[in-house]
Amino acid sequence: MKAGGDIERRSFIEIRSTGRRIEGYAATFNSEAWTGGFVETIAPGAFREALAGDILALLDHDLSRVLGRTKSGTLRLTEDGRGLAFSLDLPDTSAGRDVLALAERGDLGGMSFGFTVPKGGESWQGDRRTLRTVALKEISVVSAWPAYPDTEIALRALRNGSNAERRRRALILAEANKWA
């Protein structure tokens, strides 16, 4: 999954560690996120259909640093009244040990998730977007900090067409300017 593709990402901060397991929420429902041009909320049940698929747990959205997956049972995802809860058994790999050490110290930046929106999965009212159904691809432990605090996104696609590309470029430039 390339950052410039159609996959959208959101970031949240809530992680707990117990032994070699981390738990928390990869997304919360009905919380408003200002995404630099519109306000977005995730409706309860938005992940319901996606939970039947094979979802990856990654470190920083990096496909070469897999921490677990639902197919193997090392990642468990559930929807509850608050949002998309996760429980992840960390592997005994360098990435897994790093995540565990950072979680124990309270140094992790938070959680994020990558998804696409299927046709009919969103509704718009002016500048307000509600995600009703998402095709969840992965959740990620964010080792440093999310590019945008709380529920804001790093990169996204906004509808189809030139508006999406223009917003994507603007977000990339805004992120680059933070580090300049």
C-alpha atoms as a PDB file:
ATOM      1  CA  MET A   1       0.000   0.000   0.000  1.00  0.00           C
ATOM      2  CA  LYS A   2       1.630   3.172  -1.167  1.00  0.00           C
ATOM      3  CA  ALA A   3       1.046   6.472   0.607  1.00  0.00           C
ATOM      4  CA  GLY A   4      -0.065   8.072  -2.639  1.00  0.00           C
ATOM      5  CA  GLY A   5      -2.730   5.469  -3.416  1.00  0.00           C
ATOM      6  CA  ASP A   6      -6.405   5.500  -2.645  1.00  0.00           C
ATOM      7  CA  ILE A   7      -5.926   4.148   0.888  1.00  0.00           C
ATOM      8  CA  GLU A   8      -6.944   6.591   3.580  1.00  0.00           C
ATOM      9  CA  ARG A   9      -5.423   6.651   7.051  1.00  0.00           C
ATOM     10  CA  ARG A  10      -6.590   7.862  10.458  1.00  0.00           C
ATOM     11  CA  SER A  11      -4.658   8.156  13.710  1.00  0.00           C
ATOM     12  CA  PHE A  12      -5.697   7.693  17.335  1.00  0.00           C
ATOM     13  CA  ILE A  13      -3.808   7.618  20.606  1.00  0.00           C
ATOM     14  CA  GLU A  14      -4.783   4.857  23.029  1.00  0.00           C
ATOM     15  CA  ILE A  15      -2.610   1.834  23.602  1.00  0.00           C
ATOM     16  CA  ARG A  16      -2.130  -0.403  26.661  1.00  0.00           C
ATOM     17  CA  SER A  17       0.420  -3.199  27.043  1.00  0.00           C
ATOM     18  CA  THR A  18       0.077  -6.438  28.993  1.00  0.00           C
ATOM     19  CA  GLY A  19       2.874  -8.964  28.621  1.00  0.00           C
ATOM     20  CA  ARG A  20       3.574  -9.296  24.883  1.00  0.00           C
ATOM     21  CA  ARG A  21       0.125  -7.953  23.966  1.00  0.00           C
ATOM     22  CA  ILE A  22      -1.003  -4.436  23.211  1.00  0.00           C
ATOM     23  CA  GLU A  23      -4.632  -3.373  23.182  1.00  0.00           C
ATOM     24  CA  GLY A  24      -6.607  -0.265  22.498  1.00  0.00           C
ATOM     25  CA  TYR A  25      -8.725   1.395  19.841  1.00  0.00           C
ATOM     26  CA  ALA A  26      -7.699   1.824  16.228  1.00  0.00           C
ATOM     27  CA  ALA A  27     -10.762   4.052  15.592  1.00  0.00           C
ATOM     28  CA  THR A  28     -13.571   5.620  17.600  1.00  0.00           C
ATOM     29  CA  PHE A  29     -17.148   6.243  16.515  1.00  0.00           C
ATOM     30  CA  ASN A  30     -18.966   9.577  16.318  1.00  0.00           C
ATOM     31  CA  SER A  31     -15.854  11.640  17.037  1.00  0.00           C
ATOM     32  CA  GLU A  32     -15.402  14.578  14.726  1.00  0.00           C
ATOM     33  CA  ALA A  33     -12.124  14.874  12.867  1.00  0.00           C
ATOM     34  CA  TRP A  34     -11.236  18.078  11.040  1.00  0.00           C
ATOM     35  CA  THR A  35      -9.339  16.915   7.975  1.00  0.00           C
ATOM     36  CA  GLY A  36      -8.278  20.217   6.442  1.00  0.00           C
ATOM     37  CA  GLY A  37     -11.368  21.062   4.423  1.00  0.00           C
ATOM     38  CA  PHE A  38     -14.145  18.987   5.890  1.00  0.00           C
ATOM     39  CA  VAL A  39     -15.290  17.301   9.091  1.00  0.00           C
ATOM     40  CA  GLU A  40     -15.492  13.524   9.212  1.00  0.00           C
ATOM     41  CA  THR A  41     -17.096  11.040  11.577  1.00  0.00           C
ATOM     42  CA  ILE A  42     -17.173   7.256  11.601  1.00  0.00           C
ATOM     43  CA  ALA A  43     -20.615   5.745  12.145  1.00  0.00           C
ATOM     44  CA  PRO A  44     -21.071   2.737  14.442  1.00  0.00           C
ATOM     45  CA  GLY A  45     -20.985  -0.439  12.378  1.00  0.00           C
ATOM     46  CA  ALA A  46     -18.688   1.039   9.711  1.00  0.00           C
ATOM     47  CA  PHE A  47     -16.173  -1.816  10.150  1.00  0.00           C
ATOM     48  CA  ARG A  48     -18.703  -4.660  10.532  1.00  0.00           C
ATOM     49  CA  GLU A  49     -18.323  -6.113   7.022  1.00  0.00           C
ATOM     50  CA  ALA A  50     -14.540  -5.646   6.953  1.00  0.00           C
ATOM     51  CA  LEU A  51     -13.964  -7.704  10.100  1.00  0.00           C
ATOM     52  CA  ALA A  52     -14.606 -10.938   8.185  1.00  0.00           C
ATOM     53  CA  GLY A  53     -11.520 -10.329   6.017  1.00  0.00           C
ATOM     54  CA  ASP A  54      -7.810 -10.782   6.676  1.00  0.00           C
ATOM     55  CA  ILE A  55      -6.590  -7.547   8.285  1.00  0.00           C
ATOM     56  CA  LEU A  56      -2.920  -6.840   8.948  1.00  0.00           C
ATOM     57  CA  ALA A  57      -1.322  -5.146  11.948  1.00  0.00           C
ATOM     58  CA  LEU A  58       1.700  -3.124  10.795  1.00  0.00           C
ATOM     59  CA  LEU A  59       4.311  -0.823  12.219  1.00  0.00           C
ATOM     60  CA  ASP A  60       3.963   2.658  10.703  1.00  0.00           C
ATOM     61  CA  HIS A  61       1.909   1.371   7.713  1.00  0.00           C
ATOM     62  CA  ASP A  62       5.020  -0.503   6.502  1.00  0.00           C
ATOM     63  CA  LEU A  63       4.118  -3.779   4.761  1.00  0.00           C
ATOM     64  CA  SER A  64       7.592  -5.124   5.496  1.00  0.00           C
ATOM     65  CA  ARG A  65       6.965  -4.834   9.276  1.00  0.00           C
ATOM     66  CA  VAL A  66       3.987  -7.094   9.929  1.00  0.00           C
ATOM     67  CA  LEU A  67       3.143  -7.403  13.618  1.00  0.00           C
ATOM     68  CA  GLY A  68       0.139  -9.715  13.271  1.00  0.00           C
ATOM     69  CA  ARG A  69      -2.971 -10.529  11.291  1.00  0.00           C
ATOM     70  CA  THR A  70      -6.497 -11.659  11.866  1.00  0.00           C
ATOM     71  CA  LYS A  71      -6.084 -14.778   9.708  1.00  0.00           C
ATOM     72  CA  SER A  72      -3.453 -16.199  12.083  1.00  0.00           C
ATOM     73  CA  GLY A  73      -5.305 -15.079  15.218  1.00  0.00           C
ATOM     74  CA  THR A  74      -2.467 -12.830  16.409  1.00  0.00           C
ATOM     75  CA  LEU A  75      -4.656  -9.768  15.787  1.00  0.00           C
ATOM     76  CA  ARG A  76      -8.190  -9.634  17.125  1.00  0.00           C
ATOM     77  CA  LEU A  77     -10.567  -6.856  16.083  1.00  0.00           C
ATOM     78  CA  THR A  78     -14.033  -6.152  17.437  1.00  0.00           C
ATOM     79  CA  GLU A  79     -16.537  -3.351  17.230  1.00  0.00           C
ATOM     80  CA  ASP A  80     -18.061  -2.181  20.465  1.00  0.00           C
ATOM     81  CA  GLY A  81     -20.031   0.902  21.421  1.00  0.00           C
ATOM     82  CA  ARG A  82     -16.884   3.043  21.427  1.00  0.00           C
ATOM     83  CA  GLY A  83     -15.198   1.979  18.194  1.00  0.00           C
ATOM     84  CA  LEU A  84     -12.817  -0.513  16.605  1.00  0.00           C
ATOM     85  CA  ALA A  85     -11.040  -2.281  19.467  1.00  0.00           C
ATOM     86  CA  PHE A  86      -7.912  -4.328  18.875  1.00  0.00           C
ATOM     87  CA  SER A  87      -5.803  -6.832  20.757  1.00  0.00           C
ATOM     88  CA  LEU A  88      -2.420  -7.688  19.229  1.00  0.00           C
ATOM     89  CA  ASP A  89       0.035 -10.398  20.299  1.00  0.00           C
ATOM     90  CA  LEU A  90       3.428  -8.964  19.412  1.00  0.00           C
ATOM     91  CA  PRO A  91       5.942 -11.198  17.632  1.00  0.00           C
ATOM     92  CA  ASP A  92       9.449 -11.846  18.959  1.00  0.00           C
ATOM     93  CA  THR A  93      10.991  -9.859  16.100  1.00  0.00           C
ATOM     94  CA  SER A  94      12.966  -6.631  16.198  1.00  0.00           C
ATOM     95  CA  ALA A  95       9.820  -4.660  15.268  1.00  0.00           C
ATOM     96  CA  GLY A  96       7.744  -6.499  17.889  1.00  0.00           C
ATOM     97  CA  ARG A  97      10.354  -5.968  20.612  1.00  0.00           C
ATOM     98  CA  ASP A  98      10.634  -2.277  19.687  1.00  0.00           C
ATOM     99  CA  VAL A  99       6.867  -1.785  19.882  1.00  0.00           C
ATOM    100  CA  LEU A 100       6.712  -3.586  23.223  1.00  0.00           C
ATOM    101  CA  ALA A 101       9.542  -1.514  24.716  1.00  0.00           C
ATOM    102  CA  LEU A 102       7.991   1.737  23.509  1.00  0.00           C
ATOM    103  CA  ALA A 103       4.527   0.720  24.756  1.00  0.00           C
ATOM    104  CA  GLU A 104       5.866  -0.159  28.203  1.00  0.00           C
ATOM    105  CA  ARG A 105       7.520   3.260  28.454  1.00  0.00           C
ATOM    106  CA  GLY A 106       4.443   5.069  27.132  1.00  0.00           C
ATOM    107  CA  ASP A 107       6.421   6.356  24.149  1.00  0.00           C
ATOM    108  CA  LEU A 108       4.231   5.132  21.277  1.00  0.00           C
ATOM    109  CA  GLY A 109       2.571   7.809  19.176  1.00  0.00           C
ATOM    110  CA  GLY A 110      -0.750   6.008  18.824  1.00  0.00           C
ATOM    111  CA  MET A 111      -2.729   3.917  16.371  1.00  0.00           C
ATOM    112  CA  SER A 112      -3.741   4.459  12.793  1.00  0.00           C
ATOM    113  CA  PHE A 113      -5.699   2.502  10.222  1.00  0.00           C
ATOM    114  CA  GLY A 114      -5.684   2.222   6.441  1.00  0.00           C
ATOM    115  CA  PHE A 115      -8.903   1.748   4.501  1.00  0.00           C
ATOM    116  CA  THR A 116     -10.826   2.386   1.327  1.00  0.00           C
ATOM    117  CA  VAL A 117     -14.436   3.457   1.038  1.00  0.00           C
ATOM    118  CA  PRO A 118     -16.646   1.214  -1.090  1.00  0.00           C
ATOM    119  CA  LYS A 119     -19.282   2.740  -3.329  1.00  0.00           C
ATOM    120  CA  GLY A 120     -22.118   3.956  -1.126  1.00  0.00           C
ATOM    121  CA  GLY A 121     -20.015   3.716   2.026  1.00  0.00           C
ATOM    122  CA  GLU A 122     -20.017   7.432   2.757  1.00  0.00           C
ATOM    123  CA  SER A 123     -22.515  10.244   2.920  1.00  0.00           C
ATOM    124  CA  TRP A 124     -21.952  13.978   2.603  1.00  0.00           C
ATOM    125  CA  GLN A 125     -23.849  16.933   4.034  1.00  0.00           C
ATOM    126  CA  GLY A 126     -22.055  20.055   2.885  1.00  0.00           C
ATOM    127  CA  ASP A 127     -18.524  19.833   4.280  1.00  0.00           C
ATOM    128  CA  ARG A 128     -19.374  16.915   6.611  1.00  0.00           C
ATOM    129  CA  ARG A 129     -18.499  13.345   5.642  1.00  0.00           C
ATOM    130  CA  THR A 130     -19.833  10.309   7.494  1.00  0.00           C
ATOM    131  CA  LEU A 131     -18.146   6.959   6.902  1.00  0.00           C
ATOM    132  CA  ARG A 132     -20.843   4.281   7.073  1.00  0.00           C
ATOM    133  CA  THR A 133     -18.907   1.356   5.580  1.00  0.00           C
ATOM    134  CA  VAL A 134     -15.159   1.040   5.162  1.00  0.00           C
ATOM    135  CA  ALA A 135     -13.013  -1.692   3.662  1.00  0.00           C
ATOM    136  CA  LEU A 136     -10.374  -2.017   6.381  1.00  0.00           C
ATOM    137  CA  LYS A 137      -6.958  -3.034   5.065  1.00  0.00           C
ATOM    138  CA  GLU A 138      -4.700  -2.626   8.075  1.00  0.00           C
ATOM    139  CA  ILE A 139      -4.211  -1.100  11.472  1.00  0.00           C
ATOM    140  CA  SER A 140      -0.825   0.344  12.379  1.00  0.00           C
ATOM    141  CA  VAL A 141       1.091   1.090  15.514  1.00  0.00           C
ATOM    142  CA  VAL A 142       2.553   4.564  15.050  1.00  0.00           C
ATOM    143  CA  SER A 143       5.993   4.543  16.644  1.00  0.00           C
ATOM    144  CA  ALA A 144       6.684   8.282  16.816  1.00  0.00           C
ATOM    145  CA  TRP A 145       3.503  10.312  16.479  1.00  0.00           C
ATOM    146  CA  PRO A 146       0.706  10.524  14.001  1.00  0.00           C
ATOM    147  CA  ALA A 147       1.313  13.009  11.206  1.00  0.00           C
ATOM    148  CA  TYR A 148      -1.857  14.738  12.305  1.00  0.00           C
ATOM    149  CA  PRO A 149      -2.799  14.567  16.002  1.00  0.00           C
ATOM    150  CA  ASP A 150      -5.905  12.827  17.302  1.00  0.00           C
ATOM    151  CA  THR A 151      -8.181  11.726  14.480  1.00  0.00           C
ATOM    152  CA  GLU A 152      -6.686  13.622  11.565  1.00  0.00           C
ATOM    153  CA  ILE A 153      -5.227  11.866   8.570  1.00  0.00           C
ATOM    154  CA  ALA A 154      -1.806  11.631   7.021  1.00  0.00           C
ATOM    155  CA  LEU A 155      -2.853  11.073   3.403  1.00  0.00           C
ATOM    156  CA  ARG A 156      -6.296  10.590   1.955  1.00  0.00           C
ATOM    157  CA  ALA A 157      -8.352  10.493  -1.195  1.00  0.00           C
ATOM    158  CA  LEU A 158     -11.329  12.848  -1.263  1.00  0.00           C
ATOM    159  CA  ARG A 159     -13.912  11.663  -3.731  1.00  0.00           C
ATOM    160  CA  ASN A 160     -12.634  10.884  -7.202  1.00  0.00           C
ATOM    161  CA  GLY A 161     -10.950  13.301  -9.529  1.00  0.00           C
ATOM    162  CA  SER A 162      -8.720  16.324  -9.347  1.00  0.00           C
ATOM    163  CA  ASN A 163      -9.923  17.457  -5.916  1.00  0.00           C
ATOM    164  CA  ALA A 164      -8.535  14.267  -4.389  1.00  0.00           C
ATOM    165  CA  GLU A 165      -5.144  14.721  -6.032  1.00  0.00           C
ATOM    166  CA  ARG A 166      -4.962  18.411  -5.133  1.00  0.00           C
ATOM    167  CA  ARG A 167      -5.765  17.668  -1.468  1.00  0.00           C
ATOM    168  CA  ARG A 168      -3.275  14.797  -1.395  1.00  0.00           C
ATOM    169  CA  ARG A 169      -0.500  17.073  -2.659  1.00  0.00           C
ATOM    170  CA  ALA A 170      -1.467  19.795  -0.168  1.00  0.00           C
ATOM    171  CA  LEU A 171      -1.269  17.316   2.713  1.00  0.00           C
ATOM    172  CA  ILE A 172       2.123  16.060   1.575  1.00  0.00           C
ATOM    173  CA  LEU A 173       3.430  19.640   1.359  1.00  0.00           C
ATOM    174  CA  ALA A 174       2.008  20.488   4.792  1.00  0.00           C
ATOM    175  CA  GLU A 175       3.750  17.454   6.290  1.00  0.00           C
ATOM    176  CA  ALA A 176       7.034  18.326   4.556  1.00  0.00           C
ATOM    177  CA  ASN A 177       6.828  21.898   5.865  1.00  0.00           C
ATOM    178  CA  LYS A 178       6.553  20.584   9.426  1.00  0.00           C
ATOM    179  CA  TRP A 179      10.023  19.096   9.053  1.00  0.00           C
ATOM    180  CA  ALA A 180      11.601  21.967   7.085  1.00  0.00           C
END
